[in-house]
Amino acid sequence: MKIRFLIILSSFLCSLTACDKSIKEDTDYNKYHSATILAEELISQEKFEDALLKYEKLFSEYDFIFLRDYKVASQISLLIGEKEKGLIYIKKAISNGWGLTKLKEQKFLSENLLDSDWKNIENHYKDLRSLFLNRIDSTLKNRINLMIEKDQKLAYEAYIIEDEQEQEKFISENFPKHSEEQLINLIEIMEINDYPGEFLIGNDFWVSTILSHHNSQGADYVRKDTLYDFIKPELIKSLKKGYISPYEIALVEDWKKTVTSEWNESPYGYLNPPNVSNISKINKTRKAIGLRSVELRNKLIDIEVKTGMNFYLPDWVDGKIKIKEK
């Protein structure tokens, strides 16, 4: 198993983010993700004003907005000279979890904001941050944090074993029991709280990492496994409700199919690069969960290079996803 790949105030403030700790049951986030793809298509064509209008419409229609989309909207606003809008979306992003340290590390923002702008942001930061902390379930976050710490500890113990046969032996003797306990724990959590992702705990990679580890224990184990198959339909439901993102679904599913196909297939094109013969199928699979096409991802990277913006694309692949010849 390729384990090495895995080490991987008041009323005004409430208007900046959803103050309720649940997402409306009738909200369809499949449409949300389709709308973000339309905005990204406009970005790829350098129609930045139109793209911002798409984001603004999206923001008006949904109570919970994924952090990445506020980040992108804030940069587009600054790019087209709409600084006041940019500051509004930066503040919305803070109330959705964007930490001040990460904010200040953002090169595009540092190049487009004045000292007075940063002072403005810092003056509001504490109250905005409190909105985020009050929205997420801190008890659940701590519980998931313990799970990911256990997961990473065991993964690291496997990682440092240099002999491949010894590593495989360690994995086969230790991972199944550990991973099955993790998934049983997750099933219990989801029955009560739904999927613990960005909306519930403010983190969108801890649980997907746990699930990815489960789906990467070797072809024989993953083919026989039933726990993930039990969880998968609930993940799809959570996707529609906005508790999980398309990126998380793609990562977990890519591991399962790639491992069971002995590294010959990759349904989302992350772990194995696509080629001209399967790119259409991969894009269809991506579209089904609200994930942009491979070609659109690559165009967005071109725009990042040209403008200096950061679209926070999944970094499991460094830069563009290359489409190989057959």
C-alpha atoms as a PDB file:
ATOM      1  CA  MET A   1       0.000   0.000   0.000  1.00  0.00           C
ATOM      2  CA  LYS A   2       1.269   3.438  -0.887  1.00  0.00           C
ATOM      3  CA  ILE A   3       1.028   4.769   2.651  1.00  0.00           C
ATOM      4  CA  ARG A   4       3.565   7.509   1.914  1.00  0.00           C
ATOM      5  CA  PHE A   5       1.008   9.342  -0.197  1.00  0.00           C
ATOM      6  CA  LEU A   6      -1.230   9.762   2.862  1.00  0.00           C
ATOM      7  CA  ILE A   7       1.023  11.679   5.262  1.00  0.00           C
ATOM      8  CA  ILE A   8      -0.395  14.160   4.061  1.00  0.00           C
ATOM      9  CA  LEU A   9     -22.044  43.872  16.541  1.00  0.00           C
ATOM     10  CA  SER A  10     -24.778  41.587  17.188  1.00  0.00           C
ATOM     11  CA  SER A  11     -27.280  41.954  14.299  1.00  0.00           C
ATOM     12  CA  PHE A  12     -24.564  43.197  11.919  1.00  0.00           C
ATOM     13  CA  LEU A  13     -22.301  40.324  12.862  1.00  0.00           C
ATOM     14  CA  CYS A  14     -25.052  37.729  12.484  1.00  0.00           C
ATOM     15  CA  SER A  15     -25.627  39.039   8.969  1.00  0.00           C
ATOM     16  CA  LEU A  16     -22.083  37.981   8.094  1.00  0.00           C
ATOM     17  CA  THR A  17     -22.716  34.291   8.609  1.00  0.00           C
ATOM     18  CA  ALA A  18     -25.376  31.759   9.525  1.00  0.00           C
ATOM     19  CA  CYS A  19     -26.003  31.964  13.272  1.00  0.00           C
ATOM     20  CA  ASP A  20     -28.018  28.742  13.359  1.00  0.00           C
ATOM     21  CA  LYS A  21     -26.084  25.509  13.976  1.00  0.00           C
ATOM     22  CA  SER A  22     -28.012  23.534  11.377  1.00  0.00           C
ATOM     23  CA  ILE A  23     -28.550  23.685   7.646  1.00  0.00           C
ATOM     24  CA  LYS A  24     -32.120  23.822   6.377  1.00  0.00           C
ATOM     25  CA  GLU A  25     -33.231  20.340   5.410  1.00  0.00           C
ATOM     26  CA  ASP A  26     -34.672  21.400   2.046  1.00  0.00           C
ATOM     27  CA  THR A  27     -31.491  23.168   0.899  1.00  0.00           C
ATOM     28  CA  ASP A  28     -29.897  21.594  -2.172  1.00  0.00           C
ATOM     29  CA  TYR A  29     -26.136  22.053  -2.210  1.00  0.00           C
ATOM     30  CA  ASN A  30     -25.825  20.139  -5.472  1.00  0.00           C
ATOM     31  CA  LYS A  31     -27.181  23.316  -7.075  1.00  0.00           C
ATOM     32  CA  TYR A  32     -24.782  25.368  -4.947  1.00  0.00           C
ATOM     33  CA  HIS A  33     -21.749  23.541  -6.318  1.00  0.00           C
ATOM     34  CA  SER A  34     -23.063  23.746  -9.883  1.00  0.00           C
ATOM     35  CA  ALA A  35     -23.356  27.516  -9.418  1.00  0.00           C
ATOM     36  CA  THR A  36     -19.744  27.793  -8.241  1.00  0.00           C
ATOM     37  CA  ILE A  37     -18.614  25.947 -11.375  1.00  0.00           C
ATOM     38  CA  LEU A  38     -20.476  28.503 -13.515  1.00  0.00           C
ATOM     39  CA  ALA A  39     -18.668  31.287 -11.632  1.00  0.00           C
ATOM     40  CA  GLU A  40     -15.351  29.531 -12.185  1.00  0.00           C
ATOM     41  CA  GLU A  41     -16.066  29.219 -15.907  1.00  0.00           C
ATOM     42  CA  LEU A  42     -16.441  33.005 -16.001  1.00  0.00           C
ATOM     43  CA  ILE A  43     -13.209  33.428 -14.059  1.00  0.00           C
ATOM     44  CA  SER A  44     -11.412  31.191 -16.560  1.00  0.00           C
ATOM     45  CA  GLN A  45     -12.651  33.540 -19.312  1.00  0.00           C
ATOM     46  CA  GLU A  46     -11.449  36.539 -17.269  1.00  0.00           C
ATOM     47  CA  LYS A  47     -15.027  37.818 -16.930  1.00  0.00           C
ATOM     48  CA  PHE A  48     -14.390  38.762 -13.331  1.00  0.00           C
ATOM     49  CA  GLU A  49     -17.296  41.174 -12.838  1.00  0.00           C
ATOM     50  CA  ASP A  50     -19.762  38.553 -14.083  1.00  0.00           C
ATOM     51  CA  ALA A  51     -18.154  35.916 -11.875  1.00  0.00           C
ATOM     52  CA  LEU A  52     -18.565  38.136  -8.826  1.00  0.00           C
ATOM     53  CA  LEU A  53     -22.248  38.621  -9.654  1.00  0.00           C
ATOM     54  CA  LYS A  54     -22.631  34.823  -9.715  1.00  0.00           C
ATOM     55  CA  TYR A  55     -21.026  34.540  -6.292  1.00  0.00           C
ATOM     56  CA  GLU A  56     -23.177  37.339  -4.896  1.00  0.00           C
ATOM     57  CA  LYS A  57     -26.333  35.616  -6.121  1.00  0.00           C
ATOM     58  CA  LEU A  58     -25.139  32.395  -4.534  1.00  0.00           C
ATOM     59  CA  PHE A  59     -24.429  34.138  -1.239  1.00  0.00           C
ATOM     60  CA  SER A  60     -27.947  35.573  -1.180  1.00  0.00           C
ATOM     61  CA  GLU A  61     -29.558  32.161  -1.695  1.00  0.00           C
ATOM     62  CA  TYR A  62     -27.757  30.031   0.913  1.00  0.00           C
ATOM     63  CA  ASP A  63     -27.352  30.491   4.654  1.00  0.00           C
ATOM     64  CA  PHE A  64     -24.113  28.515   4.859  1.00  0.00           C
ATOM     65  CA  ILE A  65     -21.324  29.404   2.438  1.00  0.00           C
ATOM     66  CA  PHE A  66     -18.185  27.311   2.098  1.00  0.00           C
ATOM     67  CA  LEU A  67     -15.141  29.281   3.214  1.00  0.00           C
ATOM     68  CA  ARG A  68     -13.325  28.882  -0.084  1.00  0.00           C
ATOM     69  CA  ASP A  69     -16.038  30.779  -1.956  1.00  0.00           C
ATOM     70  CA  TYR A  70     -15.753  33.826   0.310  1.00  0.00           C
ATOM     71  CA  LYS A  71     -11.988  33.720  -0.171  1.00  0.00           C
ATOM     72  CA  VAL A  72     -12.350  33.715  -3.953  1.00  0.00           C
ATOM     73  CA  ALA A  73     -15.013  36.449  -3.955  1.00  0.00           C
ATOM     74  CA  SER A  74     -12.867  38.701  -1.776  1.00  0.00           C
ATOM     75  CA  GLN A  75      -9.935  38.452  -4.199  1.00  0.00           C
ATOM     76  CA  ILE A  76     -12.046  39.023  -7.298  1.00  0.00           C
ATOM     77  CA  SER A  77     -13.521  42.131  -5.640  1.00  0.00           C
ATOM     78  CA  LEU A  78     -10.053  43.516  -5.031  1.00  0.00           C
ATOM     79  CA  LEU A  79      -8.929  42.614  -8.546  1.00  0.00           C
ATOM     80  CA  ILE A  80     -11.713  44.661 -10.159  1.00  0.00           C
ATOM     81  CA  GLY A  81     -11.271  47.602  -7.794  1.00  0.00           C
ATOM     82  CA  GLU A  82     -14.217  46.872  -5.481  1.00  0.00           C
ATOM     83  CA  LYS A  83     -12.229  47.163  -2.250  1.00  0.00           C
ATOM     84  CA  GLU A  84     -15.244  47.727   0.017  1.00  0.00           C
ATOM     85  CA  LYS A  85     -16.820  44.525  -1.246  1.00  0.00           C
ATOM     86  CA  GLY A  86     -13.503  42.786  -0.848  1.00  0.00           C
ATOM     87  CA  LEU A  87     -13.334  43.805   2.808  1.00  0.00           C
ATOM     88  CA  ILE A  88     -16.905  42.639   3.368  1.00  0.00           C
ATOM     89  CA  TYR A  89     -16.120  39.197   1.949  1.00  0.00           C
ATOM     90  CA  ILE A  90     -12.900  38.985   3.927  1.00  0.00           C
ATOM     91  CA  LYS A  91     -14.933  39.627   7.087  1.00  0.00           C
ATOM     92  CA  LYS A  92     -17.487  37.020   6.035  1.00  0.00           C
ATOM     93  CA  ALA A  93     -14.603  34.593   5.501  1.00  0.00           C
ATOM     94  CA  ILE A  94     -13.275  35.321   9.003  1.00  0.00           C
ATOM     95  CA  SER A  95     -16.697  34.589  10.447  1.00  0.00           C
ATOM     96  CA  ASN A  96     -16.522  31.269   8.560  1.00  0.00           C
ATOM     97  CA  GLY A  97     -13.114  30.329   9.941  1.00  0.00           C
ATOM     98  CA  TRP A  98     -10.389  32.217   8.042  1.00  0.00           C
ATOM     99  CA  GLY A  99      -7.732  32.796  10.670  1.00  0.00           C
ATOM    100  CA  LEU A 100      -5.815  36.060  10.876  1.00  0.00           C
ATOM    101  CA  THR A 101      -2.423  34.389  10.444  1.00  0.00           C
ATOM    102  CA  LYS A 102      -3.516  32.671   7.231  1.00  0.00           C
ATOM    103  CA  LEU A 103      -5.119  35.906   6.081  1.00  0.00           C
ATOM    104  CA  LYS A 104      -1.895  37.822   6.471  1.00  0.00           C
ATOM    105  CA  GLU A 105       0.034  35.099   4.649  1.00  0.00           C
ATOM    106  CA  GLN A 106      -2.215  35.527   1.600  1.00  0.00           C
ATOM    107  CA  LYS A 107       0.064  37.238  -0.897  1.00  0.00           C
ATOM    108  CA  PHE A 108      -2.673  38.699  -3.113  1.00  0.00           C
ATOM    109  CA  LEU A 109      -4.351  40.357  -0.125  1.00  0.00           C
ATOM    110  CA  SER A 110      -1.082  41.761   1.190  1.00  0.00           C
ATOM    111  CA  GLU A 111      -0.444  43.333  -2.215  1.00  0.00           C
ATOM    112  CA  ASN A 112      -3.911  44.902  -2.476  1.00  0.00           C
ATOM    113  CA  LEU A 113      -4.703  46.089   1.052  1.00  0.00           C
ATOM    114  CA  LEU A 114      -3.343  49.143   2.844  1.00  0.00           C
ATOM    115  CA  ASP A 115      -2.242  49.299   6.465  1.00  0.00           C
ATOM    116  CA  SER A 116      -5.524  51.051   7.251  1.00  0.00           C
ATOM    117  CA  ASP A 117      -7.429  48.121   5.713  1.00  0.00           C
ATOM    118  CA  TRP A 118      -5.573  45.647   7.893  1.00  0.00           C
ATOM    119  CA  LYS A 119      -6.296  47.821  10.921  1.00  0.00           C
ATOM    120  CA  ASN A 120      -9.979  47.693  10.028  1.00  0.00           C
ATOM    121  CA  ILE A 121      -9.857  43.904   9.745  1.00  0.00           C
ATOM    122  CA  GLU A 122      -7.976  43.512  13.015  1.00  0.00           C
ATOM    123  CA  ASN A 123     -10.456  45.763  14.848  1.00  0.00           C
ATOM    124  CA  HIS A 124     -13.313  43.446  13.859  1.00  0.00           C
ATOM    125  CA  TYR A 125     -11.423  40.157  14.026  1.00  0.00           C
ATOM    126  CA  LYS A 126     -12.241  39.116  17.595  1.00  0.00           C
ATOM    127  CA  ASP A 127     -15.992  39.531  17.167  1.00  0.00           C
ATOM    128  CA  LEU A 128     -15.966  37.855  13.756  1.00  0.00           C
ATOM    129  CA  ARG A 129     -13.902  34.951  15.049  1.00  0.00           C
ATOM    130  CA  SER A 130     -16.334  34.491  17.922  1.00  0.00           C
ATOM    131  CA  LEU A 131     -19.156  34.000  15.400  1.00  0.00           C
ATOM    132  CA  PHE A 132     -17.248  31.111  13.874  1.00  0.00           C
ATOM    133  CA  LEU A 133     -16.408  29.555  17.229  1.00  0.00           C
ATOM    134  CA  ASN A 134     -20.007  29.870  18.384  1.00  0.00           C
ATOM    135  CA  ARG A 135     -21.315  28.234  15.212  1.00  0.00           C
ATOM    136  CA  ILE A 136     -19.174  25.107  15.212  1.00  0.00           C
ATOM    137  CA  ASP A 137     -19.626  22.243  17.668  1.00  0.00           C
ATOM    138  CA  SER A 138     -16.464  22.436  19.770  1.00  0.00           C
ATOM    139  CA  THR A 139     -17.202  19.186  21.627  1.00  0.00           C
ATOM    140  CA  LEU A 140     -17.597  17.320  18.359  1.00  0.00           C
ATOM    141  CA  LYS A 141     -14.505  19.009  16.948  1.00  0.00           C
ATOM    142  CA  ASN A 142     -12.442  17.798  19.907  1.00  0.00           C
ATOM    143  CA  ARG A 143     -13.790  14.279  19.434  1.00  0.00           C
ATOM    144  CA  ILE A 144     -12.855  14.263  15.746  1.00  0.00           C
ATOM    145  CA  ASN A 145      -9.470  15.783  16.578  1.00  0.00           C
ATOM    146  CA  LEU A 146      -8.706  12.827  18.841  1.00  0.00           C
ATOM    147  CA  MET A 147      -9.692  10.476  16.032  1.00  0.00           C
ATOM    148  CA  ILE A 148      -7.397  12.125  13.495  1.00  0.00           C
ATOM    149  CA  GLU A 149      -4.516  12.202  15.998  1.00  0.00           C
ATOM    150  CA  LYS A 150      -4.862   8.433  16.493  1.00  0.00           C
ATOM    151  CA  ASP A 151      -5.038   7.989  12.740  1.00  0.00           C
ATOM    152  CA  GLN A 152      -1.959  10.071  12.032  1.00  0.00           C
ATOM    153  CA  LYS A 153       0.014   8.370  14.804  1.00  0.00           C
ATOM    154  CA  LEU A 154      -0.587   4.938  13.326  1.00  0.00           C
ATOM    155  CA  ALA A 155       0.049   6.153   9.775  1.00  0.00           C
ATOM    156  CA  TYR A 156       3.364   7.658  10.873  1.00  0.00           C
ATOM    157  CA  GLU A 157       4.397   4.429  12.585  1.00  0.00           C
ATOM    158  CA  ALA A 158       3.858   2.683   9.245  1.00  0.00           C
ATOM    159  CA  TYR A 159       5.539   5.440   7.280  1.00  0.00           C
ATOM    160  CA  ILE A 160       8.859   5.232   9.127  1.00  0.00           C
ATOM    161  CA  ILE A 161       9.224   1.491   8.439  1.00  0.00           C
ATOM    162  CA  GLU A 162      11.668   1.439   5.535  1.00  0.00           C
ATOM    163  CA  ASP A 163      11.423  -2.229   4.607  1.00  0.00           C
ATOM    164  CA  GLU A 164       8.389  -2.569   2.338  1.00  0.00           C
ATOM    165  CA  GLN A 165       7.492  -6.095   3.469  1.00  0.00           C
ATOM    166  CA  GLU A 166       7.745  -5.111   7.127  1.00  0.00           C
ATOM    167  CA  GLN A 167       5.619  -2.055   6.426  1.00  0.00           C
ATOM    168  CA  GLU A 168       2.944  -4.171   4.743  1.00  0.00           C
ATOM    169  CA  LYS A 169       2.985  -6.587   7.686  1.00  0.00           C
ATOM    170  CA  PHE A 170       2.579  -3.733  10.184  1.00  0.00           C
ATOM    171  CA  ILE A 171      -0.324  -2.322   8.185  1.00  0.00           C
ATOM    172  CA  SER A 172      -2.148  -5.648   7.872  1.00  0.00           C
ATOM    173  CA  GLU A 173      -1.739  -6.368  11.593  1.00  0.00           C
ATOM    174  CA  ASN A 174      -2.708  -2.935  12.912  1.00  0.00           C
ATOM    175  CA  PHE A 175      -4.770  -0.918  10.462  1.00  0.00           C
ATOM    176  CA  PRO A 176      -7.961  -3.001  10.030  1.00  0.00           C
ATOM    177  CA  LYS A 177      -9.011  -3.071  13.686  1.00  0.00           C
ATOM    178  CA  HIS A 178      -8.051   0.572  14.201  1.00  0.00           C
ATOM    179  CA  SER A 179      -9.801   1.748  11.039  1.00  0.00           C
ATOM    180  CA  GLU A 180     -12.969  -0.224  11.689  1.00  0.00           C
ATOM    181  CA  GLU A 181     -13.218   1.304  15.153  1.00  0.00           C
ATOM    182  CA  GLN A 182     -12.802   4.740  13.576  1.00  0.00           C
ATOM    183  CA  LEU A 183     -15.602   4.150  11.081  1.00  0.00           C
ATOM    184  CA  ILE A 184     -17.965   2.725  13.699  1.00  0.00           C
ATOM    185  CA  ASN A 185     -17.297   5.859  15.730  1.00  0.00           C
ATOM    186  CA  LEU A 186     -18.003   7.989  12.659  1.00  0.00           C
ATOM    187  CA  ILE A 187     -21.263   6.157  11.951  1.00  0.00           C
ATOM    188  CA  GLU A 188     -22.441   6.917  15.492  1.00  0.00           C
ATOM    189  CA  ILE A 189     -21.516  10.585  15.047  1.00  0.00           C
ATOM    190  CA  MET A 190     -23.310  10.860  11.710  1.00  0.00           C
ATOM    191  CA  GLU A 191     -26.476   9.296  13.091  1.00  0.00           C
ATOM    192  CA  ILE A 192     -26.691  12.139  15.597  1.00  0.00           C
ATOM    193  CA  ASN A 193     -24.951  15.102  13.969  1.00  0.00           C
ATOM    194  CA  ASP A 194     -24.571  14.409  10.228  1.00  0.00           C
ATOM    195  CA  TYR A 195     -21.127  14.500   8.585  1.00  0.00           C
ATOM    196  CA  PRO A 196     -18.586  16.383  10.741  1.00  0.00           C
ATOM    197  CA  GLY A 197     -17.009  18.609   8.120  1.00  0.00           C
ATOM    198  CA  GLU A 198     -16.598  22.322   7.536  1.00  0.00           C
ATOM    199  CA  PHE A 199     -20.059  23.335   8.702  1.00  0.00           C
ATOM    200  CA  LEU A 200     -20.106  21.351  11.950  1.00  0.00           C
ATOM    201  CA  ILE A 201     -16.476  21.500  13.080  1.00  0.00           C
ATOM    202  CA  GLY A 202     -14.834  24.053  10.782  1.00  0.00           C
ATOM    203  CA  ASN A 203     -12.503  21.441   9.280  1.00  0.00           C
ATOM    204  CA  ASP A 204     -12.835  19.829   5.859  1.00  0.00           C
ATOM    205  CA  PHE A 205     -10.012  17.279   5.816  1.00  0.00           C
ATOM    206  CA  TRP A 206      -9.816  15.401   9.124  1.00  0.00           C
ATOM    207  CA  VAL A 207     -12.642  12.954   8.435  1.00  0.00           C
ATOM    208  CA  SER A 208     -11.864  12.604   4.729  1.00  0.00           C
ATOM    209  CA  THR A 209      -8.317  11.651   5.734  1.00  0.00           C
ATOM    210  CA  ILE A 210      -9.650   8.977   8.097  1.00  0.00           C
ATOM    211  CA  LEU A 211     -11.906   7.607   5.356  1.00  0.00           C
ATOM    212  CA  SER A 212      -9.054   7.729   2.834  1.00  0.00           C
ATOM    213  CA  HIS A 213      -6.841   5.720   5.163  1.00  0.00           C
ATOM    214  CA  HIS A 214      -9.636   3.176   5.486  1.00  0.00           C
ATOM    215  CA  ASN A 215      -9.920   2.909   1.709  1.00  0.00           C
ATOM    216  CA  SER A 216      -6.196   2.482   1.133  1.00  0.00           C
ATOM    217  CA  GLN A 217      -5.340  -0.610   3.165  1.00  0.00           C
ATOM    218  CA  GLY A 218      -4.691  -2.807   0.163  1.00  0.00           C
ATOM    219  CA  ALA A 219      -6.863  -4.216  -2.581  1.00  0.00           C
ATOM    220  CA  ASP A 220      -7.947  -7.408  -0.771  1.00  0.00           C
ATOM    221  CA  TYR A 221      -9.106  -5.585   2.335  1.00  0.00           C
ATOM    222  CA  VAL A 222     -10.878  -2.762   0.518  1.00  0.00           C
ATOM    223  CA  ARG A 223     -12.712  -5.167  -1.817  1.00  0.00           C
ATOM    224  CA  LYS A 224     -14.099  -7.100   1.167  1.00  0.00           C
ATOM    225  CA  ASP A 225     -14.877  -4.052   3.287  1.00  0.00           C
ATOM    226  CA  THR A 226     -18.541  -3.271   4.003  1.00  0.00           C
ATOM    227  CA  LEU A 227     -18.236  -0.392   6.466  1.00  0.00           C
ATOM    228  CA  TYR A 228     -17.431   2.241   3.860  1.00  0.00           C
ATOM    229  CA  ASP A 229     -20.162   0.890   1.584  1.00  0.00           C
ATOM    230  CA  PHE A 230     -22.551   1.412   4.500  1.00  0.00           C
ATOM    231  CA  ILE A 231     -21.397   5.010   4.987  1.00  0.00           C
ATOM    232  CA  LYS A 232     -21.220   6.035   1.326  1.00  0.00           C
ATOM    233  CA  PRO A 233     -24.982   6.622   0.769  1.00  0.00           C
ATOM    234  CA  GLU A 234     -25.013   8.852   3.845  1.00  0.00           C
ATOM    235  CA  LEU A 235     -22.074  10.834   2.473  1.00  0.00           C
ATOM    236  CA  ILE A 236     -24.027  11.459  -0.729  1.00  0.00           C
ATOM    237  CA  LYS A 237     -26.978  12.690   1.332  1.00  0.00           C
ATOM    238  CA  SER A 238     -24.642  14.926   3.328  1.00  0.00           C
ATOM    239  CA  LEU A 239     -23.251  16.330   0.076  1.00  0.00           C
ATOM    240  CA  LYS A 240     -26.712  17.487  -0.974  1.00  0.00           C
ATOM    241  CA  LYS A 241     -27.339  18.991   2.473  1.00  0.00           C
ATOM    242  CA  GLY A 242     -24.048  20.907   2.543  1.00  0.00           C
ATOM    243  CA  TYR A 243     -22.273  19.060   5.349  1.00  0.00           C
ATOM    244  CA  ILE A 244     -19.556  17.628   3.101  1.00  0.00           C
ATOM    245  CA  SER A 245     -17.828  19.116   0.054  1.00  0.00           C
ATOM    246  CA  PRO A 246     -17.263  17.509  -3.372  1.00  0.00           C
ATOM    247  CA  TYR A 247     -13.510  17.589  -2.677  1.00  0.00           C
ATOM    248  CA  GLU A 248     -13.876  15.248   0.283  1.00  0.00           C
ATOM    249  CA  ILE A 249     -16.065  12.810  -1.637  1.00  0.00           C
ATOM    250  CA  ALA A 250     -13.591  12.811  -4.525  1.00  0.00           C
ATOM    251  CA  LEU A 251     -10.558  12.124  -2.335  1.00  0.00           C
ATOM    252  CA  VAL A 252     -12.158   9.217  -0.478  1.00  0.00           C
ATOM    253  CA  GLU A 253     -13.663   7.640  -3.597  1.00  0.00           C
ATOM    254  CA  ASP A 254     -10.467   8.071  -5.591  1.00  0.00           C
ATOM    255  CA  TRP A 255      -8.570   6.056  -2.997  1.00  0.00           C
ATOM    256  CA  LYS A 256     -11.103   3.222  -2.986  1.00  0.00           C
ATOM    257  CA  LYS A 257     -11.257   2.772  -6.750  1.00  0.00           C
ATOM    258  CA  THR A 258      -7.542   3.318  -7.293  1.00  0.00           C
ATOM    259  CA  VAL A 259      -6.619   0.691  -4.704  1.00  0.00           C
ATOM    260  CA  THR A 260      -9.173  -1.909  -5.816  1.00  0.00           C
ATOM    261  CA  SER A 261      -8.099  -1.478  -9.453  1.00  0.00           C
ATOM    262  CA  GLU A 262      -4.452  -2.015  -8.494  1.00  0.00           C
ATOM    263  CA  TRP A 263      -3.663   1.613  -9.402  1.00  0.00           C
ATOM    264  CA  ASN A 264      -5.105   1.310 -12.900  1.00  0.00           C
ATOM    265  CA  GLU A 265      -8.124   3.564 -12.422  1.00  0.00           C
ATOM    266  CA  SER A 266      -8.799   6.900 -10.749  1.00  0.00           C
ATOM    267  CA  PRO A 267     -12.431   8.069 -11.092  1.00  0.00           C
ATOM    268  CA  TYR A 268     -11.668  11.711 -10.281  1.00  0.00           C
ATOM    269  CA  GLY A 269      -8.217  11.919 -11.834  1.00  0.00           C
ATOM    270  CA  TYR A 270      -6.266  12.799  -8.694  1.00  0.00           C
ATOM    271  CA  LEU A 271      -4.262   9.709  -7.731  1.00  0.00           C
ATOM    272  CA  ASN A 272      -3.720   8.539 -11.296  1.00  0.00           C
ATOM    273  CA  PRO A 273      -3.440  11.152 -14.056  1.00  0.00           C
ATOM    274  CA  PRO A 274      -6.210  10.989 -16.667  1.00  0.00           C
ATOM    275  CA  ASN A 275      -5.547  10.264 -20.307  1.00  0.00           C
ATOM    276  CA  VAL A 276      -7.293  11.201 -23.540  1.00  0.00           C
ATOM    277  CA  SER A 277      -9.321   7.969 -23.532  1.00  0.00           C
ATOM    278  CA  ASN A 278     -10.827   8.339 -20.038  1.00  0.00           C
ATOM    279  CA  ILE A 279     -10.927  12.104 -19.482  1.00  0.00           C
ATOM    280  CA  SER A 280     -14.563  12.347 -20.621  1.00  0.00           C
ATOM    281  CA  LYS A 281     -15.607   9.681 -18.110  1.00  0.00           C
ATOM    282  CA  ILE A 282     -13.607  11.345 -15.335  1.00  0.00           C
ATOM    283  CA  ASN A 283     -15.198  14.727 -16.022  1.00  0.00           C
ATOM    284  CA  LYS A 284     -18.657  13.152 -15.995  1.00  0.00           C
ATOM    285  CA  THR A 285     -17.913  11.585 -12.608  1.00  0.00           C
ATOM    286  CA  ARG A 286     -16.623  14.910 -11.288  1.00  0.00           C
ATOM    287  CA  LYS A 287     -19.668  16.788 -12.549  1.00  0.00           C
ATOM    288  CA  ALA A 288     -22.007  14.330 -10.798  1.00  0.00           C
ATOM    289  CA  ILE A 289     -20.758  15.502  -7.394  1.00  0.00           C
ATOM    290  CA  GLY A 290     -20.363  19.183  -8.240  1.00  0.00           C
ATOM    291  CA  LEU A 291     -16.642  19.161  -8.981  1.00  0.00           C
ATOM    292  CA  ARG A 292     -15.165  21.164 -11.866  1.00  0.00           C
ATOM    293  CA  SER A 293     -13.711  19.431 -14.908  1.00  0.00           C
ATOM    294  CA  VAL A 294      -9.997  18.729 -15.132  1.00  0.00           C
ATOM    295  CA  GLU A 295      -9.708  21.267 -17.946  1.00  0.00           C
ATOM    296  CA  LEU A 296     -11.408  23.985 -15.884  1.00  0.00           C
ATOM    297  CA  ARG A 297      -9.102  23.313 -12.966  1.00  0.00           C
ATOM    298  CA  ASN A 298      -6.125  23.757 -15.286  1.00  0.00           C
ATOM    299  CA  LYS A 299      -7.517  27.020 -16.685  1.00  0.00           C
ATOM    300  CA  LEU A 300      -7.995  28.349 -13.157  1.00  0.00           C
ATOM    301  CA  ILE A 301      -4.356  27.635 -12.403  1.00  0.00           C
ATOM    302  CA  ASP A 302      -3.429  29.722 -15.449  1.00  0.00           C
ATOM    303  CA  ILE A 303      -5.517  32.576 -14.028  1.00  0.00           C
ATOM    304  CA  GLU A 304      -3.797  32.183 -10.654  1.00  0.00           C
ATOM    305  CA  VAL A 305      -0.421  32.568 -12.338  1.00  0.00           C
ATOM    306  CA  LYS A 306      -1.564  35.553 -14.380  1.00  0.00           C
ATOM    307  CA  THR A 307      -3.303  37.500 -11.575  1.00  0.00           C
ATOM    308  CA  GLY A 308      -1.621  36.311  -8.379  1.00  0.00           C
ATOM    309  CA  MET A 309      -4.936  35.195  -6.905  1.00  0.00           C
ATOM    310  CA  ASN A 310      -5.279  31.919  -5.017  1.00  0.00           C
ATOM    311  CA  PHE A 311      -8.364  29.808  -5.743  1.00  0.00           C
ATOM    312  CA  TYR A 312      -7.571  27.243  -3.034  1.00  0.00           C
ATOM    313  CA  LEU A 313      -7.838  24.265  -5.352  1.00  0.00           C
ATOM    314  CA  PRO A 314      -7.204  20.819  -3.824  1.00  0.00           C
ATOM    315  CA  ASP A 315      -3.441  20.446  -3.506  1.00  0.00           C
ATOM    316  CA  TRP A 316      -3.305  16.647  -3.722  1.00  0.00           C
ATOM    317  CA  VAL A 317      -1.901  17.384  -7.179  1.00  0.00           C
ATOM    318  CA  ASP A 318       0.706  20.113  -7.443  1.00  0.00           C
ATOM    319  CA  GLY A 319      -0.479  22.516 -10.112  1.00  0.00           C
ATOM    320  CA  LYS A 320      -2.271  21.294 -13.192  1.00  0.00           C
ATOM    321  CA  ILE A 321      -3.637  17.790 -13.651  1.00  0.00           C
ATOM    322  CA  LYS A 322      -1.856  16.587 -16.765  1.00  0.00           C
ATOM    323  CA  ILE A 323      -3.916  14.695 -19.328  1.00  0.00           C
ATOM    324  CA  LYS A 324      -1.669  11.996 -20.736  1.00  0.00           C
ATOM    325  CA  GLU A 325      -1.754  10.484 -24.175  1.00  0.00           C
ATOM    326  CA  LYS A 326      -3.025   6.909 -24.196  1.00  0.00           C
END
